Amino acid sequence: MGQPKKLSVDEIRTRSAQLPGWQLIDDKLRREFRFDDFVRAFGFMSAVALVAERMDHHPDWSNVYGRVIIELSTHDAGGLTDNDFRLAAAISALDG
């Protein structure tokens, strides 16, 4: 399997418009999720971790109590790739 291909600006704009809740910030897809408490936030992170591991594509993220911030970018490609958008869609599906 080869290195993922960085998407063009037009591809990124088109695909990001199909991801409600996600923003383009500093050439990354970013979304903040809020939960009632730490346990729910951590459960969500655990579910995301399982999906990310299956995809072999891992997010940059942070967690403070009931807040989870996720940023996606493909470091090897130097920007956003199909993998980032596929993972963002899968994460969004987990949030219900």
PDB file of N, CA and C in Angstrom:
ATOM      1  N   MET A   1       0.843  -1.180   0.000  1.00  0.00           N
ATOM      2  CA  MET A   1       0.000   0.000   0.000  1.00  0.00           C
ATOM      3  C   MET A   1       0.883   1.237   0.000  1.00  0.00           C
ATOM      4  N   GLY A   2       0.585   2.186  -0.873  1.00  0.00           N
ATOM      5  CA  GLY A   2       1.397   3.389  -0.982  1.00  0.00           C
ATOM      6  C   GLY A   2       0.987   4.460   0.007  1.00  0.00           C
ATOM      7  N   GLN A   3       1.747   5.516  -0.014  1.00  0.00           N
ATOM      8  CA  GLN A   3       1.466   6.670   0.849  1.00  0.00           C
ATOM      9  C   GLN A   3       0.176   7.347   0.392  1.00  0.00           C
ATOM     10  N   PRO A   4      -0.666   7.777   1.333  1.00  0.00           N
ATOM     11  CA  PRO A   4      -1.907   8.454   0.940  1.00  0.00           C
ATOM     12  C   PRO A   4      -1.625   9.752   0.197  1.00  0.00           C
ATOM     13  N   LYS A   5      -2.524  10.070  -0.742  1.00  0.00           N
ATOM     14  CA  LYS A   5      -2.364  11.272  -1.569  1.00  0.00           C
ATOM     15  C   LYS A   5      -3.061  12.463  -0.912  1.00  0.00           C
ATOM     16  N   LYS A   6      -2.333  13.557  -0.804  1.00  0.00           N
ATOM     17  CA  LYS A   6      -2.893  14.794  -0.280  1.00  0.00           C
ATOM     18  C   LYS A   6      -3.964  15.300  -1.239  1.00  0.00           C
ATOM     19  N   LEU A   7      -5.103  15.705  -0.700  1.00  0.00           N
ATOM     20  CA  LEU A   7      -6.206  16.195  -1.522  1.00  0.00           C
ATOM     21  C   LEU A   7      -5.974  17.646  -1.941  1.00  0.00           C
ATOM     22  N   SER A   8      -6.563  18.009  -3.072  1.00  0.00           N
ATOM     23  CA  SER A   8      -6.474  19.388  -3.547  1.00  0.00           C
ATOM     24  C   SER A   8      -7.381  20.282  -2.711  1.00  0.00           C
ATOM     25  N   VAL A   9      -7.179  21.581  -2.809  1.00  0.00           N
ATOM     26  CA  VAL A   9      -8.003  22.547  -2.084  1.00  0.00           C
ATOM     27  C   VAL A   9      -9.474  22.375  -2.466  1.00  0.00           C
ATOM     28  N   ASP A  10      -9.757  22.189  -3.743  1.00  0.00           N
ATOM     29  CA  ASP A  10     -11.147  22.013  -4.193  1.00  0.00           C
ATOM     30  C   ASP A  10     -11.752  20.732  -3.626  1.00  0.00           C
ATOM     31  N   GLU A  11     -10.985  19.640  -3.626  1.00  0.00           N
ATOM     32  CA  GLU A  11     -11.481  18.386  -3.057  1.00  0.00           C
ATOM     33  C   GLU A  11     -11.784  18.553  -1.568  1.00  0.00           C
ATOM     34  N   ILE A  12     -10.905  19.249  -0.866  1.00  0.00           N
ATOM     35  CA  ILE A  12     -11.089  19.470   0.570  1.00  0.00           C
ATOM     36  C   ILE A  12     -12.347  20.283   0.824  1.00  0.00           C
ATOM     37  N   ARG A  13     -12.550  21.338   0.071  1.00  0.00           N
ATOM     38  CA  ARG A  13     -13.749  22.177   0.247  1.00  0.00           C
ATOM     39  C   ARG A  13     -15.022  21.377  -0.003  1.00  0.00           C
ATOM     40  N   THR A  14     -15.034  20.623  -1.074  1.00  0.00           N
ATOM     41  CA  THR A  14     -16.214  19.827  -1.422  1.00  0.00           C
ATOM     42  C   THR A  14     -16.517  18.795  -0.345  1.00  0.00           C
ATOM     43  N   ARG A  15     -15.498  18.094   0.084  1.00  0.00           N
ATOM     44  CA  ARG A  15     -15.709  17.021   1.062  1.00  0.00           C
ATOM     45  C   ARG A  15     -16.006  17.561   2.456  1.00  0.00           C
ATOM     46  N   SER A  16     -15.403  18.686   2.828  1.00  0.00           N
ATOM     47  CA  SER A  16     -15.662  19.227   4.161  1.00  0.00           C
ATOM     48  C   SER A  16     -17.096  19.742   4.266  1.00  0.00           C
ATOM     49  N   ALA A  17     -17.676  20.182   3.157  1.00  0.00           N
ATOM     50  CA  ALA A  17     -19.068  20.642   3.161  1.00  0.00           C
ATOM     51  C   ALA A  17     -20.028  19.499   3.476  1.00  0.00           C
ATOM     52  N   GLN A  18     -19.566  18.268   3.319  1.00  0.00           N
ATOM     53  CA  GLN A  18     -20.398  17.086   3.580  1.00  0.00           C
ATOM     54  C   GLN A  18     -20.212  16.552   5.000  1.00  0.00           C
ATOM     55  N   LEU A  19     -19.475  17.274   5.833  1.00  0.00           N
ATOM     56  CA  LEU A  19     -19.213  16.845   7.210  1.00  0.00           C
ATOM     57  C   LEU A  19     -19.716  17.883   8.210  1.00  0.00           C
ATOM     58  N   PRO A  20     -20.984  17.856   8.542  1.00  0.00           N
ATOM     59  CA  PRO A  20     -21.510  18.821   9.505  1.00  0.00           C
ATOM     60  C   PRO A  20     -20.759  18.745  10.843  1.00  0.00           C
ATOM     61  N   GLY A  21     -20.487  19.918  11.400  1.00  0.00           N
ATOM     62  CA  GLY A  21     -19.823  19.985  12.696  1.00  0.00           C
ATOM     63  C   GLY A  21     -18.311  20.065  12.629  1.00  0.00           C
ATOM     64  N   TRP A  22     -17.731  19.690  11.512  1.00  0.00           N
ATOM     65  CA  TRP A  22     -16.274  19.727  11.341  1.00  0.00           C
ATOM     66  C   TRP A  22     -15.880  21.058  10.712  1.00  0.00           C
ATOM     67  N   GLN A  23     -14.734  21.574  11.134  1.00  0.00           N
ATOM     68  CA  GLN A  23     -14.209  22.824  10.596  1.00  0.00           C
ATOM     69  C   GLN A  23     -12.836  22.572   9.988  1.00  0.00           C
ATOM     70  N   LEU A  24     -12.474  23.391   9.017  1.00  0.00           N
ATOM     71  CA  LEU A  24     -11.114  23.394   8.484  1.00  0.00           C
ATOM     72  C   LEU A  24     -10.340  24.475   9.213  1.00  0.00           C
ATOM     73  N   ILE A  25      -9.357  24.072   9.995  1.00  0.00           N
ATOM     74  CA  ILE A  25      -8.536  25.014  10.752  1.00  0.00           C
ATOM     75  C   ILE A  25      -7.077  24.593  10.600  1.00  0.00           C
ATOM     76  N   ASP A  26      -6.255  25.499  10.104  1.00  0.00           N
ATOM     77  CA  ASP A  26      -4.821  25.227   9.922  1.00  0.00           C
ATOM     78  C   ASP A  26      -4.569  23.940   9.154  1.00  0.00           C
ATOM     79  N   ASP A  27      -5.283  23.752   8.051  1.00  0.00           N
ATOM     80  CA  ASP A  27      -5.124  22.578   7.178  1.00  0.00           C
ATOM     81  C   ASP A  27      -5.421  21.260   7.886  1.00  0.00           C
ATOM     82  N   LYS A  28      -6.315  21.317   8.862  1.00  0.00           N
ATOM     83  CA  LYS A  28      -6.747  20.113   9.577  1.00  0.00           C
ATOM     84  C   LYS A  28      -8.264  20.143   9.681  1.00  0.00           C
ATOM     85  N   LEU A  29      -8.837  18.950   9.781  1.00  0.00           N
ATOM     86  CA  LEU A  29     -10.248  18.848  10.130  1.00  0.00           C
ATOM     87  C   LEU A  29     -10.322  18.862  11.648  1.00  0.00           C
ATOM     88  N   ARG A  30     -11.208  19.696  12.198  1.00  0.00           N
ATOM     89  CA  ARG A  30     -11.298  19.820  13.652  1.00  0.00           C
ATOM     90  C   ARG A  30     -12.765  19.811  14.075  1.00  0.00           C
ATOM     91  N   ARG A  31     -13.003  19.100  15.173  1.00  0.00           N
ATOM     92  CA  ARG A  31     -14.345  19.100  15.741  1.00  0.00           C
ATOM     93  C   ARG A  31     -14.259  18.952  17.255  1.00  0.00           C
ATOM     94  N   GLU A  32     -15.136  19.667  17.922  1.00  0.00           N
ATOM     95  CA  GLU A  32     -15.236  19.573  19.382  1.00  0.00           C
ATOM     96  C   GLU A  32     -16.530  18.846  19.733  1.00  0.00           C
ATOM     97  N   PHE A  33     -16.413  17.864  20.609  1.00  0.00           N
ATOM     98  CA  PHE A  33     -17.552  17.099  21.085  1.00  0.00           C
ATOM     99  C   PHE A  33     -17.728  17.383  22.571  1.00  0.00           C
ATOM    100  N   ARG A  34     -18.971  17.498  23.002  1.00  0.00           N
ATOM    101  CA  ARG A  34     -19.260  17.756  24.425  1.00  0.00           C
ATOM    102  C   ARG A  34     -20.158  16.649  24.966  1.00  0.00           C
ATOM    103  N   PHE A  35     -19.834  16.205  26.171  1.00  0.00           N
ATOM    104  CA  PHE A  35     -20.567  15.148  26.846  1.00  0.00           C
ATOM    105  C   PHE A  35     -20.913  15.587  28.257  1.00  0.00           C
ATOM    106  N   ASP A  36     -21.871  14.905  28.858  1.00  0.00           N
ATOM    107  CA  ASP A  36     -22.327  15.280  30.193  1.00  0.00           C
ATOM    108  C   ASP A  36     -21.263  15.104  31.272  1.00  0.00           C
ATOM    109  N   ASP A  37     -20.358  14.170  31.053  1.00  0.00           N
ATOM    110  CA  ASP A  37     -19.352  13.906  32.084  1.00  0.00           C
ATOM    111  C   ASP A  37     -18.131  13.215  31.465  1.00  0.00           C
ATOM    112  N   PHE A  38     -17.137  13.007  32.293  1.00  0.00           N
ATOM    113  CA  PHE A  38     -15.879  12.411  31.846  1.00  0.00           C
ATOM    114  C   PHE A  38     -16.071  10.982  31.363  1.00  0.00           C
ATOM    115  N   VAL A  39     -16.902  10.206  32.042  1.00  0.00           N
ATOM    116  CA  VAL A  39     -17.087   8.802  31.668  1.00  0.00           C
ATOM    117  C   VAL A  39     -17.653   8.694  30.257  1.00  0.00           C
ATOM    118  N   ARG A  40     -18.626   9.522  29.934  1.00  0.00           N
ATOM    119  CA  ARG A  40     -19.196   9.493  28.577  1.00  0.00           C
ATOM    120  C   ARG A  40     -18.159   9.953  27.540  1.00  0.00           C
ATOM    121  N   ALA A  41     -17.406  10.974  27.871  1.00  0.00           N
ATOM    122  CA  ALA A  41     -16.358  11.447  26.957  1.00  0.00           C
ATOM    123  C   ALA A  41     -15.312  10.359  26.735  1.00  0.00           C
ATOM    124  N   PHE A  42     -14.915   9.704  27.804  1.00  0.00           N
ATOM    125  CA  PHE A  42     -13.901   8.655  27.691  1.00  0.00           C
ATOM    126  C   PHE A  42     -14.445   7.450  26.918  1.00  0.00           C
ATOM    127  N   GLY A  43     -15.720   7.125  27.122  1.00  0.00           N
ATOM    128  CA  GLY A  43     -16.336   6.039  26.354  1.00  0.00           C
ATOM    129  C   GLY A  43     -16.332   6.349  24.866  1.00  0.00           C
ATOM    130  N   PHE A  44     -16.641   7.594  24.525  1.00  0.00           N
ATOM    131  CA  PHE A  44     -16.598   8.029  23.129  1.00  0.00           C
ATOM    132  C   PHE A  44     -15.176   7.894  22.581  1.00  0.00           C
ATOM    133  N   MET A  45     -14.195   8.337  23.359  1.00  0.00           N
ATOM    134  CA  MET A  45     -12.802   8.244  22.915  1.00  0.00           C
ATOM    135  C   MET A  45     -12.397   6.783  22.708  1.00  0.00           C
ATOM    136  N   SER A  46     -12.874   5.900  23.563  1.00  0.00           N
ATOM    137  CA  SER A  46     -12.570   4.473  23.408  1.00  0.00           C
ATOM    138  C   SER A  46     -13.161   3.932  22.107  1.00  0.00           C
ATOM    139  N   ALA A  47     -14.394   4.336  21.802  1.00  0.00           N
ATOM    140  CA  ALA A  47     -15.022   3.899  20.557  1.00  0.00           C
ATOM    141  C   ALA A  47     -14.263   4.442  19.345  1.00  0.00           C
ATOM    142  N   VAL A  48     -13.850   5.704  19.412  1.00  0.00           N
ATOM    143  CA  VAL A  48     -13.065   6.303  18.328  1.00  0.00           C
ATOM    144  C   VAL A  48     -11.740   5.559  18.177  1.00  0.00           C
ATOM    145  N   ALA A  49     -11.117   5.217  19.282  1.00  0.00           N
ATOM    146  CA  ALA A  49      -9.826   4.518  19.236  1.00  0.00           C
ATOM    147  C   ALA A  49      -9.950   3.178  18.501  1.00  0.00           C
ATOM    148  N   LEU A  50     -11.031   2.458  18.721  1.00  0.00           N
ATOM    149  CA  LEU A  50     -11.223   1.170  18.046  1.00  0.00           C
ATOM    150  C   LEU A  50     -11.386   1.352  16.537  1.00  0.00           C
ATOM    151  N   VAL A  51     -12.161   2.356  16.146  1.00  0.00           N
ATOM    152  CA  VAL A  51     -12.347   2.644  14.714  1.00  0.00           C
ATOM    153  C   VAL A  51     -11.024   3.081  14.091  1.00  0.00           C
ATOM    154  N   ALA A  52     -10.330   3.987  14.760  1.00  0.00           N
ATOM    155  CA  ALA A  52      -9.056   4.498  14.238  1.00  0.00           C
ATOM    156  C   ALA A  52      -8.029   3.377  14.088  1.00  0.00           C
ATOM    157  N   GLU A  53      -7.996   2.475  15.035  1.00  0.00           N
ATOM    158  CA  GLU A  53      -7.042   1.362  14.964  1.00  0.00           C
ATOM    159  C   GLU A  53      -7.367   0.446  13.784  1.00  0.00           C
ATOM    160  N   ARG A  54      -8.663   0.166  13.578  1.00  0.00           N
ATOM    161  CA  ARG A  54      -9.060  -0.664  12.429  1.00  0.00           C
ATOM    162  C   ARG A  54      -8.664   0.001  11.112  1.00  0.00           C
ATOM    163  N   MET A  55      -8.770   1.338  11.064  1.00  0.00           N
ATOM    164  CA  MET A  55      -8.419   2.073   9.850  1.00  0.00           C
ATOM    165  C   MET A  55      -6.917   2.324   9.743  1.00  0.00           C
ATOM    166  N   ASP A  56      -6.190   2.078  10.825  1.00  0.00           N
ATOM    167  CA  ASP A  56      -4.762   2.403  10.911  1.00  0.00           C
ATOM    168  C   ASP A  56      -4.529   3.880  10.588  1.00  0.00           C
ATOM    169  N   HIS A  57      -5.404   4.701  11.172  1.00  0.00           N
ATOM    170  CA  HIS A  57      -5.324   6.157  10.982  1.00  0.00           C
ATOM    171  C   HIS A  57      -5.764   6.794  12.289  1.00  0.00           C
ATOM    172  N   HIS A  58      -4.891   7.499  12.945  1.00  0.00           N
ATOM    173  CA  HIS A  58      -5.124   7.916  14.322  1.00  0.00           C
ATOM    174  C   HIS A  58      -5.234   9.431  14.461  1.00  0.00           C
ATOM    175  N   PRO A  59      -6.191   9.880  15.284  1.00  0.00           N
ATOM    176  CA  PRO A  59      -6.408  11.325  15.444  1.00  0.00           C
ATOM    177  C   PRO A  59      -5.425  11.961  16.410  1.00  0.00           C
ATOM    178  N   ASP A  60      -5.288  13.261  16.274  1.00  0.00           N
ATOM    179  CA  ASP A  60      -4.690  14.080  17.334  1.00  0.00           C
ATOM    180  C   ASP A  60      -5.892  14.542  18.149  1.00  0.00           C
ATOM    181  N   TRP A  61      -5.832  14.374  19.461  1.00  0.00           N
ATOM    182  CA  TRP A  61      -6.986  14.751  20.261  1.00  0.00           C
ATOM    183  C   TRP A  61      -6.606  15.152  21.659  1.00  0.00           C
ATOM    184  N   SER A  62      -7.560  15.817  22.306  1.00  0.00           N
ATOM    185  CA  SER A  62      -7.384  16.180  23.706  1.00  0.00           C
ATOM    186  C   SER A  62      -8.726  16.023  24.401  1.00  0.00           C
ATOM    187  N   ASN A  63      -8.657  15.852  25.701  1.00  0.00           N
ATOM    188  CA  ASN A  63      -9.857  15.647  26.501  1.00  0.00           C
ATOM    189  C   ASN A  63      -9.717  16.394  27.821  1.00  0.00           C
ATOM    190  N   VAL A  64     -10.743  17.164  28.161  1.00  0.00           N
ATOM    191  CA  VAL A  64     -10.857  17.789  29.471  1.00  0.00           C
ATOM    192  C   VAL A  64     -12.286  17.534  29.926  1.00  0.00           C
ATOM    193  N   TYR A  65     -12.431  16.734  30.969  1.00  0.00           N
ATOM    194  CA  TYR A  65     -13.710  16.357  31.547  1.00  0.00           C
ATOM    195  C   TYR A  65     -14.675  15.878  30.454  1.00  0.00           C
ATOM    196  N   GLY A  66     -15.705  16.636  30.121  1.00  0.00           N
ATOM    197  CA  GLY A  66     -16.702  16.205  29.151  1.00  0.00           C
ATOM    198  C   GLY A  66     -16.478  16.730  27.753  1.00  0.00           C
ATOM    199  N   ARG A  67     -15.293  17.267  27.482  1.00  0.00           N
ATOM    200  CA  ARG A  67     -15.001  17.845  26.171  1.00  0.00           C
ATOM    201  C   ARG A  67     -13.884  17.044  25.488  1.00  0.00           C
ATOM    202  N   VAL A  68     -14.110  16.709  24.232  1.00  0.00           N
ATOM    203  CA  VAL A  68     -13.112  16.017  23.412  1.00  0.00           C
ATOM    204  C   VAL A  68     -12.910  16.845  22.149  1.00  0.00           C
ATOM    205  N   ILE A  69     -11.670  17.209  21.869  1.00  0.00           N
ATOM    206  CA  ILE A  69     -11.336  17.925  20.639  1.00  0.00           C
ATOM    207  C   ILE A  69     -10.513  16.988  19.768  1.00  0.00           C
ATOM    208  N   ILE A  70     -10.961  16.832  18.534  1.00  0.00           N
ATOM    209  CA  ILE A  70     -10.284  15.942  17.590  1.00  0.00           C
ATOM    210  C   ILE A  70      -9.811  16.751  16.397  1.00  0.00           C
ATOM    211  N   GLU A  71      -8.561  16.538  16.015  1.00  0.00           N
ATOM    212  CA  GLU A  71      -7.991  17.122  14.799  1.00  0.00           C
ATOM    213  C   GLU A  71      -7.463  15.996  13.931  1.00  0.00           C
ATOM    214  N   LEU A  72      -7.767  16.080  12.655  1.00  0.00           N
ATOM    215  CA  LEU A  72      -7.338  15.059  11.696  1.00  0.00           C
ATOM    216  C   LEU A  72      -6.494  15.676  10.596  1.00  0.00           C
ATOM    217  N   SER A  73      -5.413  15.010  10.295  1.00  0.00           N
ATOM    218  CA  SER A  73      -4.512  15.370   9.207  1.00  0.00           C
ATOM    219  C   SER A  73      -3.605  14.167   8.985  1.00  0.00           C
ATOM    220  N   THR A  74      -3.157  13.988   7.772  1.00  0.00           N
ATOM    221  CA  THR A  74      -2.252  12.871   7.487  1.00  0.00           C
ATOM    222  C   THR A  74      -0.837  13.422   7.439  1.00  0.00           C
ATOM    223  N   HIS A  75      -0.115  13.204   8.507  1.00  0.00           N
ATOM    224  CA  HIS A  75       1.226  13.770   8.646  1.00  0.00           C
ATOM    225  C   HIS A  75       2.149  13.348   7.506  1.00  0.00           C
ATOM    226  N   ASP A  76       2.088  12.064   7.118  1.00  0.00           N
ATOM    227  CA  ASP A  76       2.962  11.558   6.046  1.00  0.00           C
ATOM    228  C   ASP A  76       2.718  12.253   4.711  1.00  0.00           C
ATOM    229  N   ALA A  77       1.465  12.686   4.476  1.00  0.00           N
ATOM    230  CA  ALA A  77       1.117  13.332   3.208  1.00  0.00           C
ATOM    231  C   ALA A  77       1.249  14.853   3.295  1.00  0.00           C
ATOM    232  N   GLY A  78       1.414  15.371   4.502  1.00  0.00           N
ATOM    233  CA  GLY A  78       1.538  16.812   4.659  1.00  0.00           C
ATOM    234  C   GLY A  78       0.233  17.566   4.506  1.00  0.00           C
ATOM    235  N   GLY A  79      -0.875  16.918   4.826  1.00  0.00           N
ATOM    236  CA  GLY A  79      -2.172  17.572   4.719  1.00  0.00           C
ATOM    237  C   GLY A  79      -3.308  16.585   4.810  1.00  0.00           C
ATOM    238  N   LEU A  80      -4.444  16.963   4.292  1.00  0.00           N
ATOM    239  CA  LEU A  80      -5.638  16.125   4.371  1.00  0.00           C
ATOM    240  C   LEU A  80      -5.704  15.134   3.219  1.00  0.00           C
ATOM    241  N   THR A  81      -6.112  13.916   3.563  1.00  0.00           N
ATOM    242  CA  THR A  81      -6.261  12.849   2.578  1.00  0.00           C
ATOM    243  C   THR A  81      -7.643  12.215   2.732  1.00  0.00           C
ATOM    244  N   ASP A  82      -7.947  11.280   1.867  1.00  0.00           N
ATOM    245  CA  ASP A  82      -9.194  10.529   1.950  1.00  0.00           C
ATOM    246  C   ASP A  82      -9.333   9.876   3.324  1.00  0.00           C
ATOM    247  N   ASN A  83      -8.242   9.405   3.904  1.00  0.00           N
ATOM    248  CA  ASN A  83      -8.283   8.765   5.222  1.00  0.00           C
ATOM    249  C   ASN A  83      -8.863   9.690   6.287  1.00  0.00           C
ATOM    250  N   ASP A  84      -8.518  10.963   6.234  1.00  0.00           N
ATOM    251  CA  ASP A  84      -9.020  11.916   7.221  1.00  0.00           C
ATOM    252  C   ASP A  84     -10.535  12.077   7.103  1.00  0.00           C
ATOM    253  N   PHE A  85     -11.018  12.168   5.899  1.00  0.00           N
ATOM    254  CA  PHE A  85     -12.456  12.339   5.697  1.00  0.00           C
ATOM    255  C   PHE A  85     -13.227  11.069   6.033  1.00  0.00           C
ATOM    256  N   ARG A  86     -12.665   9.918   5.730  1.00  0.00           N
ATOM    257  CA  ARG A  86     -13.308   8.661   6.100  1.00  0.00           C
ATOM    258  C   ARG A  86     -13.378   8.525   7.621  1.00  0.00           C
ATOM    259  N   LEU A  87     -12.288   8.860   8.307  1.00  0.00           N
ATOM    260  CA  LEU A  87     -12.288   8.767   9.766  1.00  0.00           C
ATOM    261  C   LEU A  87     -13.242   9.796  10.371  1.00  0.00           C
ATOM    262  N   ALA A  88     -13.268  11.006   9.848  1.00  0.00           N
ATOM    263  CA  ALA A  88     -14.199  12.028  10.357  1.00  0.00           C
ATOM    264  C   ALA A  88     -15.640  11.557  10.233  1.00  0.00           C
ATOM    265  N   ALA A  89     -15.986  10.963   9.102  1.00  0.00           N
ATOM    266  CA  ALA A  89     -17.347  10.458   8.917  1.00  0.00           C
ATOM    267  C   ALA A  89     -17.664   9.347   9.914  1.00  0.00           C
ATOM    268  N   ALA A  90     -16.706   8.465  10.124  1.00  0.00           N
ATOM    269  CA  ALA A  90     -16.905   7.373  11.086  1.00  0.00           C
ATOM    270  C   ALA A  90     -17.054   7.911  12.506  1.00  0.00           C
ATOM    271  N   ILE A  91     -16.280   8.923  12.859  1.00  0.00           N
ATOM    272  CA  ILE A  91     -16.380   9.534  14.187  1.00  0.00           C
ATOM    273  C   ILE A  91     -17.734  10.212  14.349  1.00  0.00           C
ATOM    274  N   SER A  92     -18.167  10.920  13.323  1.00  0.00           N
ATOM    275  CA  SER A  92     -19.469  11.578  13.377  1.00  0.00           C
ATOM    276  C   SER A  92     -20.593  10.551  13.586  1.00  0.00           C
ATOM    277  N   ALA A  93     -20.482   9.406  12.957  1.00  0.00           N
ATOM    278  CA  ALA A  93     -21.490   8.346  13.110  1.00  0.00           C
ATOM    279  C   ALA A  93     -21.534   7.838  14.553  1.00  0.00           C
ATOM    280  N   LEU A  94     -20.407   7.825  15.235  1.00  0.00           N
ATOM    281  CA  LEU A  94     -20.361   7.382  16.629  1.00  0.00           C
ATOM    282  C   LEU A  94     -21.086   8.349  17.556  1.00  0.00           C
ATOM    283  N   ASP A  95     -21.090   9.609  17.190  1.00  0.00           N
ATOM    284  CA  ASP A  95     -21.701  10.644  18.018  1.00  0.00           C
ATOM    285  C   ASP A  95     -23.222  10.626  17.904  1.00  0.00           C
ATOM    286  N   GLY A  96     -23.734   9.857  16.949  1.00  0.00           N
ATOM    287  CA  GLY A  96     -25.177   9.720  16.817  1.00  0.00           C
ATOM    288  C   GLY A  96     -25.746  10.760  15.962  1.00  0.00           C
TER     289      GLY A  96
END
